[in-house]
């Protein structure tokens, strides 16, 4: 399972996707969040990750850790529907690791 040292190592605009607490990447599909949290410390972030069962995305930007419950779906259409419904800014296309704005 991810530990606090890994979270503390995140640099500006770094992020990770976790499944059952382990860092994961996919070759295809789309990643989208349905809800999330903004946290000030790595300690708060690891508590949140554990609360979500390690099934989440985490990134660091501007002194804030963002921890989102996220899911992988197969199609852009489904990811966009979830993203828009849940007021997300973007979704991630695993192939090429590119963001697409909702």
C-alpha atoms as a PDB file:
ATOM      1  CA  UNK A   1       0.000   0.000   0.000  1.00  0.00           C
ATOM      2  CA  UNK A   2       1.183   3.529  -0.715  1.00  0.00           C
ATOM      3  CA  UNK A   3       2.890   5.218   2.218  1.00  0.00           C
ATOM      4  CA  UNK A   4       3.289   8.783   3.383  1.00  0.00           C
ATOM      5  CA  UNK A   5       6.859   9.023   2.018  1.00  0.00           C
ATOM      6  CA  UNK A   6       5.522   8.526  -1.505  1.00  0.00           C
ATOM      7  CA  UNK A   7       2.983  11.293  -0.995  1.00  0.00           C
ATOM      8  CA  UNK A   8       5.597  13.652   0.439  1.00  0.00           C
ATOM      9  CA  UNK A   9       7.787  13.090  -2.657  1.00  0.00           C
ATOM     10  CA  UNK A  10       5.151  14.504  -5.005  1.00  0.00           C
ATOM     11  CA  UNK A  11       6.451  17.633  -6.698  1.00  0.00           C
ATOM     12  CA  UNK A  12       4.382  20.470  -8.171  1.00  0.00           C
ATOM     13  CA  UNK A  13       1.771  18.997 -10.554  1.00  0.00           C
ATOM     14  CA  UNK A  14       2.833  15.388  -9.855  1.00  0.00           C
ATOM     15  CA  UNK A  15       0.173  12.771  -9.420  1.00  0.00           C
ATOM     16  CA  UNK A  16      -0.574   9.076  -9.039  1.00  0.00           C
ATOM     17  CA  UNK A  17      -3.473   6.747  -9.673  1.00  0.00           C
ATOM     18  CA  UNK A  18      -4.033   4.043  -7.091  1.00  0.00           C
ATOM     19  CA  UNK A  19      -5.924   0.775  -7.082  1.00  0.00           C
ATOM     20  CA  UNK A  20      -6.174  -0.973  -3.711  1.00  0.00           C
ATOM     21  CA  UNK A  21      -3.388   1.326  -2.522  1.00  0.00           C
ATOM     22  CA  UNK A  22      -0.914   0.410  -5.251  1.00  0.00           C
ATOM     23  CA  UNK A  23       0.264   2.719  -8.029  1.00  0.00           C
ATOM     24  CA  UNK A  24      -1.267   1.640 -11.304  1.00  0.00           C
ATOM     25  CA  UNK A  25      -1.271   2.653 -14.953  1.00  0.00           C
ATOM     26  CA  UNK A  26      -3.401   1.376 -17.790  1.00  0.00           C
ATOM     27  CA  UNK A  27      -2.694   1.196 -21.525  1.00  0.00           C
ATOM     28  CA  UNK A  28      -6.235   2.063 -22.582  1.00  0.00           C
ATOM     29  CA  UNK A  29      -9.437   3.549 -21.249  1.00  0.00           C
ATOM     30  CA  UNK A  30     -10.255   6.702 -19.342  1.00  0.00           C
ATOM     31  CA  UNK A  31      -9.897   7.753 -15.712  1.00  0.00           C
ATOM     32  CA  UNK A  32     -12.519  10.012 -14.176  1.00  0.00           C
ATOM     33  CA  UNK A  33     -13.292  11.208 -10.661  1.00  0.00           C
ATOM     34  CA  UNK A  34     -16.733  11.418  -9.163  1.00  0.00           C
ATOM     35  CA  UNK A  35     -15.804  13.240  -5.931  1.00  0.00           C
ATOM     36  CA  UNK A  36     -12.735  14.326  -4.048  1.00  0.00           C
ATOM     37  CA  UNK A  37     -11.026  16.219  -1.278  1.00  0.00           C
ATOM     38  CA  UNK A  38      -8.537  19.078  -0.956  1.00  0.00           C
ATOM     39  CA  UNK A  39      -5.995  18.608   1.830  1.00  0.00           C
ATOM     40  CA  UNK A  40      -3.175  20.725   3.207  1.00  0.00           C
ATOM     41  CA  UNK A  41      -0.757  18.068   4.472  1.00  0.00           C
ATOM     42  CA  UNK A  42       0.604  14.706   3.383  1.00  0.00           C
ATOM     43  CA  UNK A  43      -0.650  13.294   6.678  1.00  0.00           C
ATOM     44  CA  UNK A  44      -4.212  14.344   5.872  1.00  0.00           C
ATOM     45  CA  UNK A  45      -3.818  12.989   2.333  1.00  0.00           C
ATOM     46  CA  UNK A  46      -2.740   9.496   3.450  1.00  0.00           C
ATOM     47  CA  UNK A  47      -5.693   9.308   5.852  1.00  0.00           C
ATOM     48  CA  UNK A  48      -8.001  10.200   2.962  1.00  0.00           C
ATOM     49  CA  UNK A  49      -6.370   7.641   0.653  1.00  0.00           C
ATOM     50  CA  UNK A  50      -6.946   4.950   3.268  1.00  0.00           C
ATOM     51  CA  UNK A  51     -10.532   6.113   3.793  1.00  0.00           C
ATOM     52  CA  UNK A  52     -11.115   5.560   0.059  1.00  0.00           C
ATOM     53  CA  UNK A  53      -9.639   2.063   0.262  1.00  0.00           C
ATOM     54  CA  UNK A  54      -6.669   3.143  -1.828  1.00  0.00           C
ATOM     55  CA  UNK A  55      -8.887   3.484  -4.919  1.00  0.00           C
ATOM     56  CA  UNK A  56      -8.207   7.054  -5.912  1.00  0.00           C
ATOM     57  CA  UNK A  57      -6.106   9.561  -7.740  1.00  0.00           C
ATOM     58  CA  UNK A  58      -3.824  11.925  -5.887  1.00  0.00           C
ATOM     59  CA  UNK A  59      -1.956  14.965  -7.125  1.00  0.00           C
ATOM     60  CA  UNK A  60      -0.157  17.915  -5.637  1.00  0.00           C
ATOM     61  CA  UNK A  61      -0.483  21.493  -6.843  1.00  0.00           C
ATOM     62  CA  UNK A  62      -0.037  24.879  -5.221  1.00  0.00           C
ATOM     63  CA  UNK A  63       0.555  23.440  -1.763  1.00  0.00           C
ATOM     64  CA  UNK A  64      -2.625  21.367  -1.848  1.00  0.00           C
ATOM     65  CA  UNK A  65      -3.026  17.615  -2.128  1.00  0.00           C
ATOM     66  CA  UNK A  66      -6.039  16.631  -4.194  1.00  0.00           C
ATOM     67  CA  UNK A  67      -7.388  13.156  -3.493  1.00  0.00           C
ATOM     68  CA  UNK A  68     -10.208  12.036  -5.770  1.00  0.00           C
ATOM     69  CA  UNK A  69     -12.208   8.848  -5.791  1.00  0.00           C
ATOM     70  CA  UNK A  70     -11.617   7.806  -9.378  1.00  0.00           C
ATOM     71  CA  UNK A  71     -12.674   5.023 -11.682  1.00  0.00           C
ATOM     72  CA  UNK A  72     -11.494   3.668 -15.004  1.00  0.00           C
ATOM     73  CA  UNK A  73     -14.050   3.396 -17.801  1.00  0.00           C
ATOM     74  CA  UNK A  74     -13.665   2.139 -21.348  1.00  0.00           C
ATOM     75  CA  UNK A  75     -15.117   4.976 -23.394  1.00  0.00           C
ATOM     76  CA  UNK A  76     -14.614   8.699 -23.656  1.00  0.00           C
ATOM     77  CA  UNK A  77     -18.381   9.170 -23.770  1.00  0.00           C
ATOM     78  CA  UNK A  78     -18.886   7.488 -20.397  1.00  0.00           C
ATOM     79  CA  UNK A  79     -15.963   9.366 -18.837  1.00  0.00           C
ATOM     80  CA  UNK A  80     -17.286  12.698 -20.130  1.00  0.00           C
ATOM     81  CA  UNK A  81     -20.783  11.966 -18.811  1.00  0.00           C
ATOM     82  CA  UNK A  82     -19.437  11.165 -15.348  1.00  0.00           C
ATOM     83  CA  UNK A  83     -17.012  14.090 -15.409  1.00  0.00           C
ATOM     84  CA  UNK A  84     -19.658  16.630 -16.380  1.00  0.00           C
ATOM     85  CA  UNK A  85     -22.221  15.258 -13.944  1.00  0.00           C
ATOM     86  CA  UNK A  86     -19.643  15.412 -11.126  1.00  0.00           C
ATOM     87  CA  UNK A  87     -18.322  18.869 -12.093  1.00  0.00           C
ATOM     88  CA  UNK A  88     -14.824  17.699 -13.002  1.00  0.00           C
ATOM     89  CA  UNK A  89     -12.446  19.903 -14.942  1.00  0.00           C
ATOM     90  CA  UNK A  90     -10.924  17.091 -16.986  1.00  0.00           C
ATOM     91  CA  UNK A  91     -10.628  13.354 -17.562  1.00  0.00           C
ATOM     92  CA  UNK A  92      -7.499  11.340 -18.303  1.00  0.00           C
ATOM     93  CA  UNK A  93      -6.971   9.327 -21.459  1.00  0.00           C
ATOM     94  CA  UNK A  94      -4.596   6.544 -20.526  1.00  0.00           C
ATOM     95  CA  UNK A  95      -3.316   6.037 -24.053  1.00  0.00           C
ATOM     96  CA  UNK A  96      -0.771   8.808 -24.408  1.00  0.00           C
ATOM     97  CA  UNK A  97      -1.507   9.991 -20.841  1.00  0.00           C
ATOM     98  CA  UNK A  98      -3.443  13.092 -21.974  1.00  0.00           C
ATOM     99  CA  UNK A  99      -6.016  15.247 -20.249  1.00  0.00           C
ATOM    100  CA  UNK A 100      -9.274  16.090 -22.003  1.00  0.00           C
ATOM    101  CA  UNK A 101     -11.320  18.955 -20.640  1.00  0.00           C
ATOM    102  CA  UNK A 102     -14.956  18.306 -19.791  1.00  0.00           C
END
